[in-house]
C-alpha cells in the first residue's frame, strides 16, 4: 500500500515538473516569436524609409 502511495506522489511530482517545463518552453517560444516579429517590423520600416529597391536580396548580406 505504501508503494502505491509513493508511485502516486511520484507521478504527480513528474506531471508538475513537466507542466513547469512546458510553461518555460511556451514562454521561450512566445519571446522568440515576439523578437522575430520585432526584427521583421524594424526591417520593413527601414525598407520603407530607404525605398523598396533593397528587397532583391542585397540586404541579406548586410550585418544585422
Protein backbone atom coordinates (compact mmCIF):
# COMPACT_ATOMS: atom_id res chain seq x y z
CA UNK A 1 0.00 0.00 0.00
CA UNK A 2 2.87 2.34 0.82
CA UNK A 3 4.46 1.62 -2.56
CA UNK A 4 1.24 2.62 -4.35
CA UNK A 5 1.12 5.92 -2.42
CA UNK A 6 4.77 6.55 -3.31
CA UNK A 7 4.10 5.86 -7.01
CA UNK A 8 1.10 8.22 -6.96
CA UNK A 9 3.06 11.05 -5.35
CA UNK A 10 5.98 10.47 -7.71
CA UNK A 11 3.75 10.58 -10.79
CA UNK A 12 2.09 13.79 -9.51
CA UNK A 13 5.54 15.29 -8.98
CA UNK A 14 6.63 14.33 -12.51
CA UNK A 15 3.44 15.82 -14.00
CA UNK A 16 4.07 19.07 -12.11
CA UNK A 17 7.67 19.23 -13.36
CA UNK A 18 6.56 18.61 -16.95
CA UNK A 19 3.92 21.33 -16.69
CA UNK A 20 6.55 23.77 -15.36
CA UNK A 21 8.85 22.83 -18.24
CA UNK A 22 6.00 23.32 -20.73
CA UNK A 23 5.34 26.80 -19.32
CA UNK A 24 9.02 27.70 -19.66
CA UNK A 25 9.10 26.40 -23.24
CA UNK A 26 5.89 28.24 -24.16
CA UNK A 27 7.24 31.49 -22.68
CA UNK A 28 10.51 30.97 -24.56
CA UNK A 29 8.69 30.31 -27.83
CA UNK A 30 6.46 33.37 -27.38
CA UNK A 31 9.53 35.53 -26.67
CA UNK A 32 11.32 34.16 -29.74
CA UNK A 33 8.30 34.84 -31.97
CA UNK A 34 7.99 38.34 -30.47
CA UNK A 35 11.69 39.03 -31.16
CA UNK A 36 11.43 37.77 -34.76
CA UNK A 37 8.32 39.92 -35.35
CA UNK A 38 10.11 42.99 -33.92
CA UNK A 39 13.10 42.44 -36.19
CA UNK A 40 10.85 41.92 -39.22
CA UNK A 41 8.87 45.06 -38.39
CA UNK A 42 12.04 47.14 -37.98
CA UNK A 43 13.41 45.77 -41.26
CA UNK A 44 10.19 46.67 -43.08
CA UNK A 45 10.21 50.17 -41.57
CA UNK A 46 13.83 50.59 -42.69
CA UNK A 47 12.93 49.43 -46.21
CA UNK A 48 10.08 51.93 -46.37
CA UNK A 49 12.48 54.74 -45.45
CA UNK A 50 15.23 53.65 -47.84
CA UNK A 51 12.91 52.54 -50.62
CA UNK A 52 11.99 49.02 -51.64
CA UNK A 53 14.91 48.58 -54.07
CA UNK A 54 16.80 46.65 -51.36
CA UNK A 55 14.30 43.77 -51.44
CA UNK A 56 16.14 41.85 -54.17
CA UNK A 57 18.35 40.09 -51.60
CA UNK A 58 21.21 42.56 -51.22
CA UNK A 59 20.20 43.38 -47.63
CA UNK A 60 20.73 39.76 -46.52
CA UNK A 61 24.48 40.20 -46.95
CA UNK A 62 24.48 43.27 -44.70
CA UNK A 63 25.14 42.75 -40.97
CA UNK A 64 22.13 42.90 -38.69
